[in-house]
Amino acid sequence: MDAANNPKAIKRIVLIRMGKIGDLIVSNFVFRKIRASFPAATILLVTLPRTRDLLRYNHCADRVLYFHKGMDILRLIVRLRMFKPDLFLDFNDNSSSTSSILARFCSA
């Protein structure tokens, strides 16, 4: 049985939240619920560098990748594929081209 049919099989989760600091603050409640629901999972958050100070004391994500606009998206895709996520969650209000590309090639 795979992760799609068995939540206990989810070991690696990618969270995408590109946006302003306020957007990340609002999403933090959901991040805490995801952490509580999957305590053994490794959670990787992809966000923008301007949220670095806000995330300094946030323990919802095990790892954070900061995506710089204009950054080589292929390098980010490679890093996400190496992470081998079982679940990919996009918390952007509007589908951004970046998060759409990541979701398509992430293999989760």
PDB file of N, CA and C in Angstrom:
ATOM      1  N   MET A   1       0.848  -1.176   0.000  1.00  0.00           N
ATOM      2  CA  MET A   1       0.000   0.000   0.000  1.00  0.00           C
ATOM      3  C   MET A   1       0.897   1.243   0.000  1.00  0.00           C
ATOM      4  N   ASP A   2       0.608   2.206  -0.865  1.00  0.00           N
ATOM      5  CA  ASP A   2       1.453   3.389  -0.979  1.00  0.00           C
ATOM      6  C   ASP A   2       0.908   4.547  -0.143  1.00  0.00           C
ATOM      7  N   ALA A   3       1.627   5.672  -0.169  1.00  0.00           N
ATOM      8  CA  ALA A   3       1.273   6.830   0.640  1.00  0.00           C
ATOM      9  C   ALA A   3      -0.080   7.413   0.273  1.00  0.00           C
ATOM     10  N   ALA A   4      -0.494   7.274  -0.978  1.00  0.00           N
ATOM     11  CA  ALA A   4      -1.783   7.823  -1.400  1.00  0.00           C
ATOM     12  C   ALA A   4      -2.946   7.128  -0.708  1.00  0.00           C
ATOM     13  N   ASN A   5      -2.757   5.871  -0.343  1.00  0.00           N
ATOM     14  CA  ASN A   5      -3.821   5.104   0.294  1.00  0.00           C
ATOM     15  C   ASN A   5      -3.602   4.883   1.783  1.00  0.00           C
ATOM     16  N   ASN A   6      -2.445   5.266   2.299  1.00  0.00           N
ATOM     17  CA  ASN A   6      -2.112   5.003   3.687  1.00  0.00           C
ATOM     18  C   ASN A   6      -1.358   6.193   4.275  1.00  0.00           C
ATOM     19  N   PRO A   7      -2.034   7.052   5.044  1.00  0.00           N
ATOM     20  CA  PRO A   7      -1.356   8.222   5.620  1.00  0.00           C
ATOM     21  C   PRO A   7      -0.143   7.869   6.482  1.00  0.00           C
ATOM     22  N   LYS A   8      -0.130   6.689   7.083  1.00  0.00           N
ATOM     23  CA  LYS A   8       1.013   6.297   7.907  1.00  0.00           C
ATOM     24  C   LYS A   8       2.260   6.035   7.072  1.00  0.00           C
ATOM     25  N   ALA A   9       2.087   5.854   5.770  1.00  0.00           N
ATOM     26  CA  ALA A   9       3.224   5.618   4.877  1.00  0.00           C
ATOM     27  C   ALA A   9       3.908   6.918   4.468  1.00  0.00           C
ATOM     28  N   ILE A  10       3.347   8.056   4.833  1.00  0.00           N
ATOM     29  CA  ILE A  10       3.929   9.347   4.451  1.00  0.00           C
ATOM     30  C   ILE A  10       5.112   9.648   5.365  1.00  0.00           C
ATOM     31  N   LYS A  11       6.282   9.677   4.777  1.00  0.00           N
ATOM     32  CA  LYS A  11       7.528   9.898   5.522  1.00  0.00           C
ATOM     33  C   LYS A  11       8.175  11.244   5.221  1.00  0.00           C
ATOM     34  N   ARG A  12       7.897  11.804   4.030  1.00  0.00           N
ATOM     35  CA  ARG A  12       8.508  13.065   3.615  1.00  0.00           C
ATOM     36  C   ARG A  12       7.439  13.963   2.987  1.00  0.00           C
ATOM     37  N   ILE A  13       7.359  15.197   3.486  1.00  0.00           N
ATOM     38  CA  ILE A  13       6.341  16.142   3.043  1.00  0.00           C
ATOM     39  C   ILE A  13       7.019  17.435   2.586  1.00  0.00           C
ATOM     40  N   VAL A  14       6.569  17.951   1.443  1.00  0.00           N
ATOM     41  CA  VAL A  14       7.026  19.254   0.966  1.00  0.00           C
ATOM     42  C   VAL A  14       5.865  20.231   1.104  1.00  0.00           C
ATOM     43  N   LEU A  15       6.145  21.366   1.743  1.00  0.00           N
ATOM     44  CA  LEU A  15       5.183  22.458   1.860  1.00  0.00           C
ATOM     45  C   LEU A  15       5.719  23.627   1.042  1.00  0.00           C
ATOM     46  N   ILE A  16       4.877  24.194   0.198  1.00  0.00           N
ATOM     47  CA  ILE A  16       5.271  25.348  -0.613  1.00  0.00           C
ATOM     48  C   ILE A  16       4.442  26.547  -0.163  1.00  0.00           C
ATOM     49  N   ARG A  17       5.124  27.629   0.237  1.00  0.00           N
ATOM     50  CA  ARG A  17       4.418  28.866   0.577  1.00  0.00           C
ATOM     51  C   ARG A  17       5.284  30.038   0.160  1.00  0.00           C
ATOM     52  N   MET A  18       5.077  30.480  -1.079  1.00  0.00           N
ATOM     53  CA  MET A  18       5.761  31.658  -1.596  1.00  0.00           C
ATOM     54  C   MET A  18       4.820  32.832  -1.371  1.00  0.00           C
ATOM     55  N   GLY A  19       5.288  33.854  -0.756  1.00  0.00           N
ATOM     56  CA  GLY A  19       4.427  35.005  -0.542  1.00  0.00           C
ATOM     57  C   GLY A  19       5.002  35.924   0.517  1.00  0.00           C
ATOM     58  N   LYS A  20       4.171  36.817   0.943  1.00  0.00           N
ATOM     59  CA  LYS A  20       4.579  37.796   1.937  1.00  0.00           C
ATOM     60  C   LYS A  20       4.643  37.146   3.320  1.00  0.00           C
ATOM     61  N   ILE A  21       5.255  37.847   4.258  1.00  0.00           N
ATOM     62  CA  ILE A  21       5.406  37.339   5.617  1.00  0.00           C
ATOM     63  C   ILE A  21       4.046  37.040   6.242  1.00  0.00           C
ATOM     64  N   GLY A  22       3.070  37.914   6.010  1.00  0.00           N
ATOM     65  CA  GLY A  22       1.730  37.691   6.555  1.00  0.00           C
ATOM     66  C   GLY A  22       1.101  36.404   6.039  1.00  0.00           C
ATOM     67  N   ASP A  23       1.364  36.077   4.793  1.00  0.00           N
ATOM     68  CA  ASP A  23       0.850  34.830   4.221  1.00  0.00           C
ATOM     69  C   ASP A  23       1.422  33.623   4.954  1.00  0.00           C
ATOM     70  N   LEU A  24       2.691  33.702   5.289  1.00  0.00           N
ATOM     71  CA  LEU A  24       3.328  32.599   6.001  1.00  0.00           C
ATOM     72  C   LEU A  24       2.799  32.505   7.438  1.00  0.00           C
ATOM     73  N   ILE A  25       2.546  33.646   8.068  1.00  0.00           N
ATOM     74  CA  ILE A  25       1.990  33.645   9.425  1.00  0.00           C
ATOM     75  C   ILE A  25       0.628  32.954   9.436  1.00  0.00           C
ATOM     76  N   VAL A  26      -0.204  33.268   8.462  1.00  0.00           N
ATOM     77  CA  VAL A  26      -1.532  32.653   8.371  1.00  0.00           C
ATOM     78  C   VAL A  26      -1.408  31.145   8.122  1.00  0.00           C
ATOM     79  N   SER A  27      -0.456  30.749   7.305  1.00  0.00           N
ATOM     80  CA  SER A  27      -0.262  29.326   6.981  1.00  0.00           C
ATOM     81  C   SER A  27       0.335  28.542   8.135  1.00  0.00           C
ATOM     82  N   ASN A  28       0.970  29.223   9.074  1.00  0.00           N
ATOM     83  CA  ASN A  28       1.657  28.550  10.165  1.00  0.00           C
ATOM     84  C   ASN A  28       0.723  27.654  10.982  1.00  0.00           C
ATOM     85  N   PHE A  29      -0.515  28.050  11.146  1.00  0.00           N
ATOM     86  CA  PHE A  29      -1.491  27.225  11.871  1.00  0.00           C
ATOM     87  C   PHE A  29      -1.633  25.856  11.201  1.00  0.00           C
ATOM     88  N   VAL A  30      -1.736  25.864   9.888  1.00  0.00           N
ATOM     89  CA  VAL A  30      -1.868  24.612   9.141  1.00  0.00           C
ATOM     90  C   VAL A  30      -0.573  23.809   9.240  1.00  0.00           C
ATOM     91  N   PHE A  31       0.566  24.475   9.187  1.00  0.00           N
ATOM     92  CA  PHE A  31       1.840  23.779   9.305  1.00  0.00           C
ATOM     93  C   PHE A  31       1.927  23.036  10.639  1.00  0.00           C
ATOM     94  N   ARG A  32       1.459  23.673  11.715  1.00  0.00           N
ATOM     95  CA  ARG A  32       1.470  23.017  13.035  1.00  0.00           C
ATOM     96  C   ARG A  32       0.563  21.791  13.041  1.00  0.00           C
ATOM     97  N   LYS A  33      -0.579  21.878  12.376  1.00  0.00           N
ATOM     98  CA  LYS A  33      -1.504  20.737  12.300  1.00  0.00           C
ATOM     99  C   LYS A  33      -0.890  19.591  11.488  1.00  0.00           C
ATOM    100  N   ILE A  34      -0.196  19.930  10.424  1.00  0.00           N
ATOM    101  CA  ILE A  34       0.474  18.904   9.615  1.00  0.00           C
ATOM    102  C   ILE A  34       1.551  18.223  10.446  1.00  0.00           C
ATOM    103  N   ARG A  35       2.335  19.004  11.184  1.00  0.00           N
ATOM    104  CA  ARG A  35       3.374  18.439  12.053  1.00  0.00           C
ATOM    105  C   ARG A  35       2.745  17.501  13.091  1.00  0.00           C
ATOM    106  N   ALA A  36       1.625  17.908  13.681  1.00  0.00           N
ATOM    107  CA  ALA A  36       0.955  17.068  14.683  1.00  0.00           C
ATOM    108  C   ALA A  36       0.386  15.797  14.053  1.00  0.00           C
ATOM    109  N   SER A  37      -0.084  15.892  12.823  1.00  0.00           N
ATOM    110  CA  SER A  37      -0.674  14.736  12.149  1.00  0.00           C
ATOM    111  C   SER A  37       0.373  13.747  11.647  1.00  0.00           C
ATOM    112  N   PHE A  38       1.561  14.252  11.352  1.00  0.00           N
ATOM    113  CA  PHE A  38       2.641  13.406  10.825  1.00  0.00           C
ATOM    114  C   PHE A  38       3.915  13.635  11.648  1.00  0.00           C
ATOM    115  N   PRO A  39       3.904  13.267  12.922  1.00  0.00           N
ATOM    116  CA  PRO A  39       5.052  13.587  13.790  1.00  0.00           C
ATOM    117  C   PRO A  39       6.359  12.926  13.366  1.00  0.00           C
ATOM    118  N   ALA A  40       6.286  11.795  12.696  1.00  0.00           N
ATOM    119  CA  ALA A  40       7.502  11.093  12.297  1.00  0.00           C
ATOM    120  C   ALA A  40       8.005  11.512  10.918  1.00  0.00           C
ATOM    121  N   ALA A  41       7.205  12.271  10.194  1.00  0.00           N
ATOM    122  CA  ALA A  41       7.583  12.678   8.840  1.00  0.00           C
ATOM    123  C   ALA A  41       8.632  13.781   8.868  1.00  0.00           C
ATOM    124  N   THR A  42       9.454  13.810   7.842  1.00  0.00           N
ATOM    125  CA  THR A  42      10.394  14.906   7.632  1.00  0.00           C
ATOM    126  C   THR A  42       9.680  15.930   6.761  1.00  0.00           C
ATOM    127  N   ILE A  43       9.610  17.161   7.236  1.00  0.00           N
ATOM    128  CA  ILE A  43       8.891  18.214   6.518  1.00  0.00           C
ATOM    129  C   ILE A  43       9.889  19.233   5.976  1.00  0.00           C
ATOM    130  N   LEU A  44       9.760  19.481   4.681  1.00  0.00           N
ATOM    131  CA  LEU A  44      10.597  20.458   3.988  1.00  0.00           C
ATOM    132  C   LEU A  44       9.708  21.602   3.526  1.00  0.00           C
ATOM    133  N   LEU A  45      10.037  22.814   3.929  1.00  0.00           N
ATOM    134  CA  LEU A  45       9.281  24.001   3.542  1.00  0.00           C
ATOM    135  C   LEU A  45      10.076  24.774   2.498  1.00  0.00           C
ATOM    136  N   VAL A  46       9.409  25.116   1.389  1.00  0.00           N
ATOM    137  CA  VAL A  46      10.017  25.961   0.361  1.00  0.00           C
ATOM    138  C   VAL A  46       9.309  27.307   0.429  1.00  0.00           C
ATOM    139  N   THR A  47      10.087  28.347   0.659  1.00  0.00           N
ATOM    140  CA  THR A  47       9.521  29.686   0.813  1.00  0.00           C
ATOM    141  C   THR A  47      10.525  30.721   0.319  1.00  0.00           C
ATOM    142  N   LEU A  48      10.198  31.979   0.506  1.00  0.00           N
ATOM    143  CA  LEU A  48      11.053  33.073   0.045  1.00  0.00           C
ATOM    144  C   LEU A  48      12.001  33.513   1.151  1.00  0.00           C
ATOM    145  N   PRO A  49      13.164  34.050   0.797  1.00  0.00           N
ATOM    146  CA  PRO A  49      14.170  34.426   1.794  1.00  0.00           C
ATOM    147  C   PRO A  49      13.699  35.491   2.784  1.00  0.00           C
ATOM    148  N   ARG A  50      12.758  36.314   2.409  1.00  0.00           N
ATOM    149  CA  ARG A  50      12.323  37.382   3.313  1.00  0.00           C
ATOM    150  C   ARG A  50      11.613  36.846   4.558  1.00  0.00           C
ATOM    151  N   THR A  51      11.302  35.564   4.582  1.00  0.00           N
ATOM    152  CA  THR A  51      10.638  34.969   5.747  1.00  0.00           C
ATOM    153  C   THR A  51      11.630  34.314   6.709  1.00  0.00           C
ATOM    154  N   ARG A  52      12.904  34.450   6.428  1.00  0.00           N
ATOM    155  CA  ARG A  52      13.948  33.779   7.210  1.00  0.00           C
ATOM    156  C   ARG A  52      13.839  34.087   8.707  1.00  0.00           C
ATOM    157  N   ASP A  53      13.700  35.345   9.088  1.00  0.00           N
ATOM    158  CA  ASP A  53      13.625  35.702  10.509  1.00  0.00           C
ATOM    159  C   ASP A  53      12.378  35.126  11.175  1.00  0.00           C
ATOM    160  N   LEU A  54      11.294  35.094  10.455  1.00  0.00           N
ATOM    161  CA  LEU A  54      10.052  34.547  10.995  1.00  0.00           C
ATOM    162  C   LEU A  54      10.189  33.049  11.291  1.00  0.00           C
ATOM    163  N   LEU A  55      10.933  32.346  10.475  1.00  0.00           N
ATOM    164  CA  LEU A  55      11.056  30.896  10.608  1.00  0.00           C
ATOM    165  C   LEU A  55      12.184  30.458  11.539  1.00  0.00           C
ATOM    166  N   ARG A  56      12.926  31.407  12.057  1.00  0.00           N
ATOM    167  CA  ARG A  56      14.073  31.082  12.911  1.00  0.00           C
ATOM    168  C   ARG A  56      13.683  30.188  14.094  1.00  0.00           C
ATOM    169  N   TYR A  57      12.529  30.447  14.686  1.00  0.00           N
ATOM    170  CA  TYR A  57      12.102  29.685  15.870  1.00  0.00           C
ATOM    171  C   TYR A  57      10.897  28.801  15.586  1.00  0.00           C
ATOM    172  N   ASN A  58      10.598  28.596  14.341  1.00  0.00           N
ATOM    173  CA  ASN A  58       9.474  27.755  13.950  1.00  0.00           C
ATOM    174  C   ASN A  58       9.981  26.328  13.792  1.00  0.00           C
ATOM    175  N   HIS A  59       9.355  25.413  14.496  1.00  0.00           N
ATOM    176  CA  HIS A  59       9.819  24.031  14.472  1.00  0.00           C
ATOM    177  C   HIS A  59       8.861  23.111  13.717  1.00  0.00           C
ATOM    178  N   CYS A  60       8.007  23.693  12.886  1.00  0.00           N
ATOM    179  CA  CYS A  60       7.070  22.886  12.098  1.00  0.00           C
ATOM    180  C   CYS A  60       7.772  22.189  10.941  1.00  0.00           C
ATOM    181  N   ALA A  61       8.812  22.800  10.438  1.00  0.00           N
ATOM    182  CA  ALA A  61       9.551  22.217   9.310  1.00  0.00           C
ATOM    183  C   ALA A  61      10.922  21.764   9.792  1.00  0.00           C
ATOM    184  N   ASP A  62      11.343  20.614   9.300  1.00  0.00           N
ATOM    185  CA  ASP A  62      12.669  20.112   9.644  1.00  0.00           C
ATOM    186  C   ASP A  62      13.745  20.822   8.831  1.00  0.00           C
ATOM    187  N   ARG A  63      13.394  21.167   7.609  1.00  0.00           N
ATOM    188  CA  ARG A  63      14.313  21.859   6.713  1.00  0.00           C
ATOM    189  C   ARG A  63      13.551  22.944   5.981  1.00  0.00           C
ATOM    190  N   VAL A  64      14.261  24.011   5.629  1.00  0.00           N
ATOM    191  CA  VAL A  64      13.676  25.101   4.854  1.00  0.00           C
ATOM    192  C   VAL A  64      14.591  25.383   3.672  1.00  0.00           C
ATOM    193  N   LEU A  65      13.998  25.427   2.488  1.00  0.00           N
ATOM    194  CA  LEU A  65      14.714  25.866   1.290  1.00  0.00           C
ATOM    195  C   LEU A  65      14.183  27.242   0.929  1.00  0.00           C
ATOM    196  N   TYR A  66      15.068  28.191   0.796  1.00  0.00           N
ATOM    197  CA  TYR A  66      14.666  29.545   0.429  1.00  0.00           C
ATOM    198  C   TYR A  66      14.850  29.713  -1.073  1.00  0.00           C
ATOM    199  N   PHE A  67      13.753  29.984  -1.738  1.00  0.00           N
ATOM    200  CA  PHE A  67      13.760  30.131  -3.185  1.00  0.00           C
ATOM    201  C   PHE A  67      13.870  31.607  -3.539  1.00  0.00           C
ATOM    202  N   HIS A  68      14.909  31.947  -4.267  1.00  0.00           N
ATOM    203  CA  HIS A  68      15.105  33.318  -4.737  1.00  0.00           C
ATOM    204  C   HIS A  68      14.477  33.443  -6.117  1.00  0.00           C
ATOM    205  N   LYS A  69      13.637  34.441  -6.295  1.00  0.00           N
ATOM    206  CA  LYS A  69      13.059  34.672  -7.621  1.00  0.00           C
ATOM    207  C   LYS A  69      14.205  34.814  -8.614  1.00  0.00           C
ATOM    208  N   GLY A  70      14.078  34.143  -9.724  1.00  0.00           N
ATOM    209  CA  GLY A  70      15.129  34.158 -10.717  1.00  0.00           C
ATOM    210  C   GLY A  70      16.170  33.074 -10.490  1.00  0.00           C
ATOM    211  N   MET A  71      16.049  32.376  -9.355  1.00  0.00           N
ATOM    212  CA  MET A  71      16.966  31.265  -9.066  1.00  0.00           C
ATOM    213  C   MET A  71      16.749  30.166 -10.090  1.00  0.00           C
ATOM    214  N   ASP A  72      17.747  29.406 -10.311  1.00  0.00           N
ATOM    215  CA  ASP A  72      17.632  28.303 -11.254  1.00  0.00           C
ATOM    216  C   ASP A  72      16.635  27.283 -10.718  1.00  0.00           C
ATOM    217  N   ILE A  73      15.459  27.253 -11.305  1.00  0.00           N
ATOM    218  CA  ILE A  73      14.398  26.365 -10.834  1.00  0.00           C
ATOM    219  C   ILE A  73      14.762  24.902 -11.037  1.00  0.00           C
ATOM    220  N   LEU A  74      15.593  24.621 -12.018  1.00  0.00           N
ATOM    221  CA  LEU A  74      16.024  23.237 -12.230  1.00  0.00           C
ATOM    222  C   LEU A  74      16.790  22.705 -11.020  1.00  0.00           C
ATOM    223  N   ARG A  75      17.595  23.553 -10.414  1.00  0.00           N
ATOM    224  CA  ARG A  75      18.342  23.149  -9.222  1.00  0.00           C
ATOM    225  C   ARG A  75      17.383  22.848  -8.069  1.00  0.00           C
ATOM    226  N   LEU A  76      16.337  23.642  -7.934  1.00  0.00           N
ATOM    227  CA  LEU A  76      15.346  23.404  -6.892  1.00  0.00           C
ATOM    228  C   LEU A  76      14.583  22.102  -7.153  1.00  0.00           C
ATOM    229  N   ILE A  77      14.232  21.857  -8.401  1.00  0.00           N
ATOM    230  CA  ILE A  77      13.543  20.612  -8.760  1.00  0.00           C
ATOM    231  C   ILE A  77      14.417  19.402  -8.408  1.00  0.00           C
ATOM    232  N   VAL A  78      15.691  19.489  -8.723  1.00  0.00           N
ATOM    233  CA  VAL A  78      16.613  18.392  -8.410  1.00  0.00           C
ATOM    234  C   VAL A  78      16.650  18.150  -6.905  1.00  0.00           C
ATOM    235  N   ARG A  79      16.733  19.219  -6.123  1.00  0.00           N
ATOM    236  CA  ARG A  79      16.777  19.069  -4.663  1.00  0.00           C
ATOM    237  C   ARG A  79      15.493  18.441  -4.133  1.00  0.00           C
ATOM    238  N   LEU A  80      14.357  18.835  -4.684  1.00  0.00           N
ATOM    239  CA  LEU A  80      13.085  18.256  -4.237  1.00  0.00           C
ATOM    240  C   LEU A  80      12.980  16.791  -4.643  1.00  0.00           C
ATOM    241  N   ARG A  81      13.423  16.469  -5.831  1.00  0.00           N
ATOM    242  CA  ARG A  81      13.375  15.069  -6.271  1.00  0.00           C
ATOM    243  C   ARG A  81      14.318  14.201  -5.435  1.00  0.00           C
ATOM    244  N   MET A  82      15.452  14.736  -5.040  1.00  0.00           N
ATOM    245  CA  MET A  82      16.373  13.998  -4.172  1.00  0.00           C
ATOM    246  C   MET A  82      15.753  13.778  -2.784  1.00  0.00           C
ATOM    247  N   PHE A  83      14.936  14.700  -2.347  1.00  0.00           N
ATOM    248  CA  PHE A  83      14.234  14.576  -1.064  1.00  0.00           C
ATOM    249  C   PHE A  83      13.205  13.440  -1.109  1.00  0.00           C
ATOM    250  N   LYS A  84      12.676  13.147  -2.297  1.00  0.00           N
ATOM    251  CA  LYS A  84      11.708  12.064  -2.539  1.00  0.00           C
ATOM    252  C   LYS A  84      10.448  12.192  -1.684  1.00  0.00           C
ATOM    253  N   PRO A  85       9.702  13.282  -1.869  1.00  0.00           N
ATOM    254  CA  PRO A  85       8.517  13.479  -1.022  1.00  0.00           C
ATOM    255  C   PRO A  85       7.386  12.506  -1.347  1.00  0.00           C
ATOM    256  N   ASP A  86       6.645  12.167  -0.320  1.00  0.00           N
ATOM    257  CA  ASP A  86       5.445  11.359  -0.470  1.00  0.00           C
ATOM    258  C   ASP A  86       4.217  12.256  -0.647  1.00  0.00           C
ATOM    259  N   LEU A  87       4.326  13.484  -0.151  1.00  0.00           N
ATOM    260  CA  LEU A  87       3.197  14.413  -0.171  1.00  0.00           C
ATOM    261  C   LEU A  87       3.710  15.811  -0.504  1.00  0.00           C
ATOM    262  N   PHE A  88       3.035  16.498  -1.415  1.00  0.00           N
ATOM    263  CA  PHE A  88       3.397  17.849  -1.850  1.00  0.00           C
ATOM    264  C   PHE A  88       2.183  18.737  -1.622  1.00  0.00           C
ATOM    265  N   LEU A  89       2.318  19.760  -0.783  1.00  0.00           N
ATOM    266  CA  LEU A  89       1.199  20.654  -0.481  1.00  0.00           C
ATOM    267  C   LEU A  89       1.582  22.084  -0.849  1.00  0.00           C
ATOM    268  N   ASP A  90       0.772  22.698  -1.695  1.00  0.00           N
ATOM    269  CA  ASP A  90       1.007  24.065  -2.167  1.00  0.00           C
ATOM    270  C   ASP A  90       0.024  24.988  -1.454  1.00  0.00           C
ATOM    271  N   PHE A  91       0.534  25.931  -0.661  1.00  0.00           N
ATOM    272  CA  PHE A  91      -0.304  26.838   0.116  1.00  0.00           C
ATOM    273  C   PHE A  91      -0.395  28.232  -0.493  1.00  0.00           C
ATOM    274  N   ASN A  92      -0.047  28.370  -1.750  1.00  0.00           N
ATOM    275  CA  ASN A  92      -0.154  29.674  -2.396  1.00  0.00           C
ATOM    276  C   ASN A  92      -1.608  29.967  -2.736  1.00  0.00           C
ATOM    277  N   ASP A  93      -1.997  31.217  -2.567  1.00  0.00           N
ATOM    278  CA  ASP A  93      -3.377  31.631  -2.845  1.00  0.00           C
ATOM    279  C   ASP A  93      -3.734  31.414  -4.309  1.00  0.00           C
ATOM    280  N   ASN A  94      -2.853  31.839  -5.162  1.00  0.00           N
ATOM    281  CA  ASN A  94      -3.040  31.683  -6.598  1.00  0.00           C
ATOM    282  C   ASN A  94      -1.950  30.759  -7.111  1.00  0.00           C
ATOM    283  N   SER A  95      -2.294  29.953  -8.050  1.00  0.00           N
ATOM    284  CA  SER A  95      -1.274  29.070  -8.612  1.00  0.00           C
ATOM    285  C   SER A  95      -0.172  29.910  -9.236  1.00  0.00           C
ATOM    286  N   SER A  96       1.022  29.783  -8.696  1.00  0.00           N
ATOM    287  CA  SER A  96       2.143  30.483  -9.307  1.00  0.00           C
ATOM    288  C   SER A  96       2.783  29.527 -10.300  1.00  0.00           C
ATOM    289  N   SER A  97       3.445  30.078 -11.269  1.00  0.00           N
ATOM    290  CA  SER A  97       4.101  29.214 -12.250  1.00  0.00           C
ATOM    291  C   SER A  97       5.190  28.397 -11.567  1.00  0.00           C
ATOM    292  N   THR A  98       5.854  28.992 -10.577  1.00  0.00           N
ATOM    293  CA  THR A  98       6.914  28.275  -9.866  1.00  0.00           C
ATOM    294  C   THR A  98       6.359  27.062  -9.133  1.00  0.00           C
ATOM    295  N   SER A  99       5.315  27.253  -8.338  1.00  0.00           N
ATOM    296  CA  SER A  99       4.784  26.118  -7.575  1.00  0.00           C
ATOM    297  C   SER A  99       4.144  25.081  -8.496  1.00  0.00           C
ATOM    298  N   SER A 100       3.578  25.506  -9.597  1.00  0.00           N
ATOM    299  CA  SER A 100       2.998  24.551 -10.559  1.00  0.00           C
ATOM    300  C   SER A 100       4.078  23.674 -11.175  1.00  0.00           C
ATOM    301  N   ILE A 101       5.211  24.286 -11.513  1.00  0.00           N
ATOM    302  CA  ILE A 101       6.327  23.527 -12.079  1.00  0.00           C
ATOM    303  C   ILE A 101       6.886  22.561 -11.041  1.00  0.00           C
ATOM    304  N   LEU A 102       7.045  23.032  -9.809  1.00  0.00           N
ATOM    305  CA  LEU A 102       7.572  22.174  -8.754  1.00  0.00           C
ATOM    306  C   LEU A 102       6.652  20.979  -8.513  1.00  0.00           C
ATOM    307  N   ALA A 103       5.350  21.222  -8.477  1.00  0.00           N
ATOM    308  CA  ALA A 103       4.391  20.145  -8.246  1.00  0.00           C
ATOM    309  C   ALA A 103       4.449  19.116  -9.373  1.00  0.00           C
ATOM    310  N   ARG A 104       4.585  19.599 -10.577  1.00  0.00           N
ATOM    311  CA  ARG A 104       4.580  18.696 -11.721  1.00  0.00           C
ATOM    312  C   ARG A 104       5.802  17.767 -11.754  1.00  0.00           C
ATOM    313  N   PHE A 105       6.943  18.288 -11.369  1.00  0.00           N
ATOM    314  CA  PHE A 105       8.179  17.521 -11.474  1.00  0.00           C
ATOM    315  C   PHE A 105       8.689  16.972 -10.140  1.00  0.00           C
ATOM    316  N   CYS A 106       7.943  17.156  -9.091  1.00  0.00           N
ATOM    317  CA  CYS A 106       8.380  16.753  -7.762  1.00  0.00           C
ATOM    318  C   CYS A 106       8.277  15.255  -7.524  1.00  0.00           C
ATOM    319  N   SER A 107       7.415  14.582  -8.220  1.00  0.00           N
ATOM    320  CA  SER A 107       7.196  13.141  -8.138  1.00  0.00           C
ATOM    321  C   SER A 107       6.471  12.688  -6.869  1.00  0.00           C
ATOM    322  N   ALA A 108       5.786  13.585  -6.214  1.00  0.00           N
ATOM    323  CA  ALA A 108       4.994  13.200  -5.022  1.00  0.00           C
ATOM    324  C   ALA A 108       3.552  12.926  -5.442  1.00  0.00           C
TER     325      ALA A 108
END
